[in-house]
Amino acid sequence: MGYSVLEYTFFEQGFITMLMVSPNARRRGIGAHLLQAAEATCSTPKLFTSTNVSNHPMQSLLQRLGWHPVGLVHGLDEGDPELFCLFPPAQLHPLRN
């Protein structure tokens, strides 16, 4: 129904490089569950992800779960900047420094 990929190659911090939910399974909480699983297992003090500015459903999901926009990069996808978001470090496991 869906999957996510958590890597540690973004400035040695957690980064969700992919979050995908099958179109026929969307709007059922699967994306939220996948993000929360990444939040729970992240082993670094910070956890980032990104999405295109045009991807309003993903932005809405991130906002609902407490993520904050932290930067915008132009030029990756022509005419559709990439919005980078951070999960609040205070909400990650306190022993992960």
C-alpha atoms as a PDB file:
ATOM      1  CA  MET A   1       0.000   0.000   0.000  1.00  0.00           C
ATOM      2  CA  GLY A   2       2.951   2.325   0.634  1.00  0.00           C
ATOM      3  CA  TYR A   3       6.558   2.687   1.641  1.00  0.00           C
ATOM      4  CA  SER A   4       9.076   5.233   2.842  1.00  0.00           C
ATOM      5  CA  VAL A   5      12.857   5.476   2.683  1.00  0.00           C
ATOM      6  CA  LEU A   6      14.861   6.963   5.557  1.00  0.00           C
ATOM      7  CA  GLU A   7      18.514   7.744   4.834  1.00  0.00           C
ATOM      8  CA  TYR A   8      21.311   9.532   6.648  1.00  0.00           C
ATOM      9  CA  THR A   9      23.117  11.123   3.693  1.00  0.00           C
ATOM     10  CA  PHE A  10      21.705  14.653   4.071  1.00  0.00           C
ATOM     11  CA  PHE A  11      24.409  16.402   6.123  1.00  0.00           C
ATOM     12  CA  GLU A  12      24.553  13.216   8.235  1.00  0.00           C
ATOM     13  CA  GLN A  13      20.979  13.813   9.445  1.00  0.00           C
ATOM     14  CA  GLY A  14      17.868  11.733   8.907  1.00  0.00           C
ATOM     15  CA  PHE A  15      16.155  12.429   5.593  1.00  0.00           C
ATOM     16  CA  ILE A  16      13.024  10.791   4.237  1.00  0.00           C
ATOM     17  CA  THR A  17      13.966  10.557   0.578  1.00  0.00           C
ATOM     18  CA  MET A  18      10.770   8.849  -0.519  1.00  0.00           C
ATOM     19  CA  LEU A  19       7.238   8.509   0.764  1.00  0.00           C
ATOM     20  CA  MET A  20       4.860   6.774  -1.608  1.00  0.00           C
ATOM     21  CA  VAL A  21       1.302   5.602  -1.115  1.00  0.00           C
ATOM     22  CA  SER A  22      -0.608   3.776  -3.827  1.00  0.00           C
ATOM     23  CA  PRO A  23      -3.221   6.089  -5.385  1.00  0.00           C
ATOM     24  CA  ASN A  24      -6.084   3.748  -4.436  1.00  0.00           C
ATOM     25  CA  ALA A  25      -4.895   3.654  -0.786  1.00  0.00           C
ATOM     26  CA  ARG A  26      -4.503   7.385  -0.202  1.00  0.00           C
ATOM     27  CA  ARG A  27      -6.415   9.374   2.423  1.00  0.00           C
ATOM     28  CA  ARG A  28      -6.463   6.404   4.819  1.00  0.00           C
ATOM     29  CA  GLY A  29      -3.641   7.453   7.175  1.00  0.00           C
ATOM     30  CA  ILE A  30      -0.949   5.333   5.543  1.00  0.00           C
ATOM     31  CA  GLY A  31       1.284   8.318   4.764  1.00  0.00           C
ATOM     32  CA  ALA A  32       0.926   9.564   8.339  1.00  0.00           C
ATOM     33  CA  HIS A  33       1.804   6.127   9.676  1.00  0.00           C
ATOM     34  CA  LEU A  34       4.901   5.941   7.470  1.00  0.00           C
ATOM     35  CA  LEU A  35       6.078   9.393   8.561  1.00  0.00           C
ATOM     36  CA  GLN A  36       5.495   8.566  12.216  1.00  0.00           C
ATOM     37  CA  ALA A  37       7.461   5.320  11.844  1.00  0.00           C
ATOM     38  CA  ALA A  38      10.382   7.289  10.397  1.00  0.00           C
ATOM     39  CA  GLU A  39      10.114   9.810  13.236  1.00  0.00           C
ATOM     40  CA  ALA A  40      10.183   6.987  15.788  1.00  0.00           C
ATOM     41  CA  THR A  41      13.201   5.242  14.288  1.00  0.00           C
ATOM     42  CA  CYS A  42      15.336   8.219  13.260  1.00  0.00           C
ATOM     43  CA  SER A  43      18.726   7.958  14.967  1.00  0.00           C
ATOM     44  CA  THR A  44      19.873  11.556  14.468  1.00  0.00           C
ATOM     45  CA  PRO A  45      18.883  14.801  16.234  1.00  0.00           C
ATOM     46  CA  LYS A  46      17.181  16.160  13.106  1.00  0.00           C
ATOM     47  CA  LEU A  47      14.862  14.636  10.537  1.00  0.00           C
ATOM     48  CA  PHE A  48      14.212  16.299   7.186  1.00  0.00           C
ATOM     49  CA  THR A  49      12.163  15.629   4.095  1.00  0.00           C
ATOM     50  CA  SER A  50      11.249  17.586   0.989  1.00  0.00           C
ATOM     51  CA  THR A  51       8.455  17.878  -1.510  1.00  0.00           C
ATOM     52  CA  ASN A  52       7.642  19.942  -4.543  1.00  0.00           C
ATOM     53  CA  VAL A  53       5.779  23.198  -3.924  1.00  0.00           C
ATOM     54  CA  SER A  54       3.036  21.840  -6.191  1.00  0.00           C
ATOM     55  CA  ASN A  55       2.478  18.796  -3.925  1.00  0.00           C
ATOM     56  CA  HIS A  56      -0.196  20.271  -1.678  1.00  0.00           C
ATOM     57  CA  PRO A  57      -1.380  16.935  -0.206  1.00  0.00           C
ATOM     58  CA  MET A  58       2.145  16.177   1.086  1.00  0.00           C
ATOM     59  CA  GLN A  59       2.550  19.692   2.468  1.00  0.00           C
ATOM     60  CA  SER A  60      -0.770  19.361   4.271  1.00  0.00           C
ATOM     61  CA  LEU A  61       0.249  15.995   5.734  1.00  0.00           C
ATOM     62  CA  LEU A  62       3.578  17.377   6.958  1.00  0.00           C
ATOM     63  CA  GLN A  63       1.893  20.393   8.535  1.00  0.00           C
ATOM     64  CA  ARG A  64      -0.701  18.211  10.312  1.00  0.00           C
ATOM     65  CA  LEU A  65       2.081  16.091  11.813  1.00  0.00           C
ATOM     66  CA  GLY A  66       4.072  19.043  13.136  1.00  0.00           C
ATOM     67  CA  TRP A  67       6.745  19.448  10.457  1.00  0.00           C
ATOM     68  CA  HIS A  68       8.037  22.940   9.683  1.00  0.00           C
ATOM     69  CA  PRO A  69       9.244  24.414   6.373  1.00  0.00           C
ATOM     70  CA  VAL A  70      12.926  25.345   6.577  1.00  0.00           C
ATOM     71  CA  GLY A  71      14.031  26.106   3.038  1.00  0.00           C
ATOM     72  CA  LEU A  72      13.246  26.315  -0.631  1.00  0.00           C
ATOM     73  CA  VAL A  73      15.494  25.196  -3.488  1.00  0.00           C
ATOM     74  CA  HIS A  74      14.892  26.334  -7.044  1.00  0.00           C
ATOM     75  CA  GLY A  75      16.208  24.555 -10.119  1.00  0.00           C
ATOM     76  CA  LEU A  76      15.721  20.898  -9.227  1.00  0.00           C
ATOM     77  CA  ASP A  77      12.420  20.590 -11.114  1.00  0.00           C
ATOM     78  CA  GLU A  78      11.988  23.445 -13.551  1.00  0.00           C
ATOM     79  CA  GLY A  79       9.171  25.724 -12.422  1.00  0.00           C
ATOM     80  CA  ASP A  80       8.394  23.672  -9.288  1.00  0.00           C
ATOM     81  CA  PRO A  81      10.718  24.492  -6.351  1.00  0.00           C
ATOM     82  CA  GLU A  82      11.541  21.910  -3.688  1.00  0.00           C
ATOM     83  CA  LEU A  83      10.301  22.727  -0.181  1.00  0.00           C
ATOM     84  CA  PHE A  84      12.451  21.286   2.620  1.00  0.00           C
ATOM     85  CA  CYS A  85      10.831  20.523   5.971  1.00  0.00           C
ATOM     86  CA  LEU A  86      12.144  19.635   9.425  1.00  0.00           C
ATOM     87  CA  PHE A  87      10.490  17.528  12.083  1.00  0.00           C
ATOM     88  CA  PRO A  88      10.914  19.360  15.388  1.00  0.00           C
ATOM     89  CA  PRO A  89      14.026  17.913  17.092  1.00  0.00           C
ATOM     90  CA  ALA A  90      12.379  18.232  20.522  1.00  0.00           C
ATOM     91  CA  GLN A  91       9.850  15.618  19.424  1.00  0.00           C
ATOM     92  CA  LEU A  92      12.472  13.062  18.361  1.00  0.00           C
ATOM     93  CA  HIS A  93      13.764  10.534  20.857  1.00  0.00           C
ATOM     94  CA  PRO A  94      15.752  12.493  23.498  1.00  0.00           C
ATOM     95  CA  LEU A  95      18.646   9.988  23.578  1.00  0.00           C
ATOM     96  CA  ARG A  96      19.422  10.460  19.888  1.00  0.00           C
ATOM     97  CA  ASN A  97      22.095  13.126  19.725  1.00  0.00           C
END
